[in-house]
Amino acid sequence: MVAHRHEGECPCGTGELYAQCCGPLHAGERRAQTPEQLMRSRYSAFFLLDTEYLRLTWAPEATPQDLTLDAQQKWTRLRVLDAPEPEGNEGYVHYRAHFRYGNLRDFLEEVSRFERRDGVWLYVDGEILE
């Protein structure tokens, strides 16, 4: 797994240092323990253009064939709006991810669905909210 270098505060918005927050997940040193932790680490992976981590954390049947990320799209802030306790092996996270693309400033709001399979949380799909 590719370990991405990022200094300072973690892009996911916890206020922790990247080296203590999403960095160890990206480096394969540990796995996300909750759907929210996985969602935050995936946001950081989008921020860092880490397609390998995204592919590893996507449910295999839902992983896009082409996972090319646009480096011109700059993720600027993540807000977790709701992250209820998982029920069994299924969990949800409602979030808003802000981005900049050229002069455009906008956000993506989604309720993401996660499943725990063989003890590992994976992103399955999400409902994008308008």
Protein backbone atom coordinates (compact mmCIF):
# COMPACT_ATOMS: atom_id res chain seq x y z
CA MET A 1 0.00 0.00 0.00
CA VAL A 2 1.25 3.47 -0.82
CA ALA A 3 1.85 5.62 2.24
CA HIS A 4 1.00 9.21 1.38
CA ARG A 5 2.88 11.98 3.04
CA HIS A 6 0.76 14.67 4.58
CA GLU A 7 2.04 16.95 7.28
CA GLY A 8 -0.06 18.55 9.94
CA GLU A 9 -3.75 18.29 10.65
CA CYS A 10 -5.70 15.46 9.07
CA PRO A 11 -7.83 16.47 6.07
CA CYS A 12 -10.84 14.61 7.55
CA GLY A 13 -11.51 17.36 10.07
CA THR A 14 -11.07 15.59 13.41
CA GLY A 15 -8.44 18.10 14.49
CA GLU A 16 -5.92 15.30 15.00
CA LEU A 17 -2.62 15.04 13.19
CA TYR A 18 -2.75 12.99 9.99
CA ALA A 19 -0.01 10.73 11.38
CA GLN A 20 -2.31 9.70 14.25
CA CYS A 21 -5.64 9.84 12.41
CA CYS A 22 -6.06 8.64 8.80
CA GLY A 23 -2.35 8.10 8.07
CA PRO A 24 -2.12 4.68 9.77
CA LEU A 25 -5.26 3.51 7.94
CA HIS A 26 -3.87 4.65 4.59
CA ALA A 27 -0.57 2.93 5.35
CA GLY A 28 -2.34 -0.35 6.21
CA GLU A 29 -1.15 -0.26 9.83
CA ARG A 30 -4.72 -0.52 11.14
CA ARG A 31 -8.31 -0.71 9.89
CA ALA A 32 -11.27 1.58 10.47
CA GLN A 33 -13.23 0.53 13.55
CA THR A 34 -16.47 2.35 12.65
CA PRO A 35 -18.30 3.50 9.52
CA GLU A 36 -17.51 7.12 10.44
CA GLN A 37 -13.81 6.39 10.76
CA LEU A 38 -13.85 4.66 7.36
CA MET A 39 -15.78 7.52 5.76
CA ARG A 40 -13.33 10.08 7.17
CA SER A 41 -10.35 8.05 5.94
CA ARG A 42 -11.94 7.77 2.48
CA TYR A 43 -12.47 11.54 2.40
CA SER A 44 -8.78 11.98 3.23
CA ALA A 45 -7.94 9.51 0.45
CA PHE A 46 -9.92 11.61 -2.03
CA PHE A 47 -8.10 14.69 -0.69
CA LEU A 48 -4.73 12.97 -1.24
CA LEU A 49 -5.74 11.27 -4.54
CA ASP A 50 -5.08 7.85 -2.99
CA THR A 51 -7.01 5.61 -5.39
CA GLU A 52 -5.41 2.46 -3.99
CA TYR A 53 -6.91 3.04 -0.53
CA LEU A 54 -10.29 3.90 -2.05
CA ARG A 55 -10.29 0.68 -4.06
CA LEU A 56 -9.37 -1.38 -0.96
CA THR A 57 -12.20 0.12 1.08
CA TRP A 58 -14.94 -0.14 -1.56
CA ALA A 59 -17.18 -3.23 -1.60
CA PRO A 60 -15.78 -5.26 -4.55
CA GLU A 61 -19.12 -5.45 -6.37
CA ALA A 62 -19.54 -1.66 -6.19
CA THR A 63 -16.01 -0.50 -7.04
CA PRO A 64 -15.98 1.62 -10.21
CA GLN A 65 -13.94 0.21 -13.10
CA ASP A 66 -12.34 3.61 -13.69
CA LEU A 67 -11.21 5.23 -10.47
CA THR A 68 -9.42 8.19 -11.98
CA LEU A 69 -9.58 11.22 -9.69
CA ASP A 70 -9.49 14.78 -11.00
CA ALA A 71 -6.55 16.58 -9.39
CA GLN A 72 -8.21 19.91 -10.23
CA GLN A 73 -11.03 19.15 -7.80
CA LYS A 74 -9.75 20.30 -4.39
CA TRP A 75 -11.58 18.94 -1.35
CA THR A 76 -11.64 21.70 1.24
CA ARG A 77 -13.71 20.60 4.25
CA LEU A 78 -15.67 17.67 5.63
CA ARG A 79 -18.67 17.97 7.94
CA VAL A 80 -20.16 14.82 9.43
CA LEU A 81 -23.85 15.59 9.95
CA ASP A 82 -24.90 12.25 11.44
CA ALA A 83 -23.14 8.98 12.21
CA PRO A 84 -25.45 6.73 14.24
CA GLU A 85 -24.16 3.60 15.94
CA PRO A 86 -24.03 0.75 13.42
CA GLU A 87 -26.78 -1.84 13.62
CA GLY A 88 -25.10 -5.22 13.36
CA ASN A 89 -22.92 -5.23 10.26
CA GLU A 90 -24.48 -2.18 8.61
CA GLY A 91 -23.84 1.49 9.25
CA TYR A 92 -24.58 4.88 7.75
CA VAL A 93 -22.84 8.25 7.72
CA HIS A 94 -24.49 11.49 6.56
CA TYR A 95 -21.86 14.02 5.54
CA ARG A 96 -21.21 17.13 3.50
CA ALA A 97 -17.87 17.37 1.66
CA HIS A 98 -16.99 20.82 0.37
CA PHE A 99 -14.81 21.26 -2.70
CA ARG A 100 -13.40 23.80 -5.09
CA TYR A 101 -13.09 23.29 -8.84
CA GLY A 102 -11.57 26.32 -10.52
CA ASN A 103 -13.77 29.24 -9.47
CA LEU A 104 -16.65 26.96 -8.46
CA ARG A 105 -17.20 26.30 -4.77
CA ASP A 106 -19.75 23.62 -3.96
CA PHE A 107 -20.37 20.55 -1.83
CA LEU A 108 -21.42 16.94 -2.09
CA GLU A 109 -23.95 15.76 0.48
CA GLU A 110 -24.46 12.03 0.85
CA VAL A 111 -25.77 9.38 3.17
CA SER A 112 -23.22 6.60 2.74
CA ARG A 113 -23.92 2.95 3.50
CA PHE A 114 -21.21 0.72 4.94
CA GLU A 115 -21.11 -3.01 5.62
CA ARG A 116 -18.79 -4.95 7.88
CA ARG A 117 -17.64 -8.10 6.10
CA ASP A 118 -15.32 -10.54 7.84
CA GLY A 119 -14.68 -7.85 10.44
CA VAL A 120 -13.73 -5.18 7.87
CA TRP A 121 -15.85 -2.08 7.15
CA LEU A 122 -16.40 -1.36 3.44
CA TYR A 123 -18.17 1.43 1.57
CA VAL A 124 -21.11 -0.05 -0.36
CA ASP A 125 -23.03 2.88 -1.81
CA GLY A 126 -24.61 6.19 -0.97
CA GLU A 127 -27.60 8.36 -1.60
CA ILE A 128 -26.58 11.78 -2.89
CA LEU A 129 -28.85 14.50 -1.52
CA GLU A 130 -29.76 17.54 -3.59
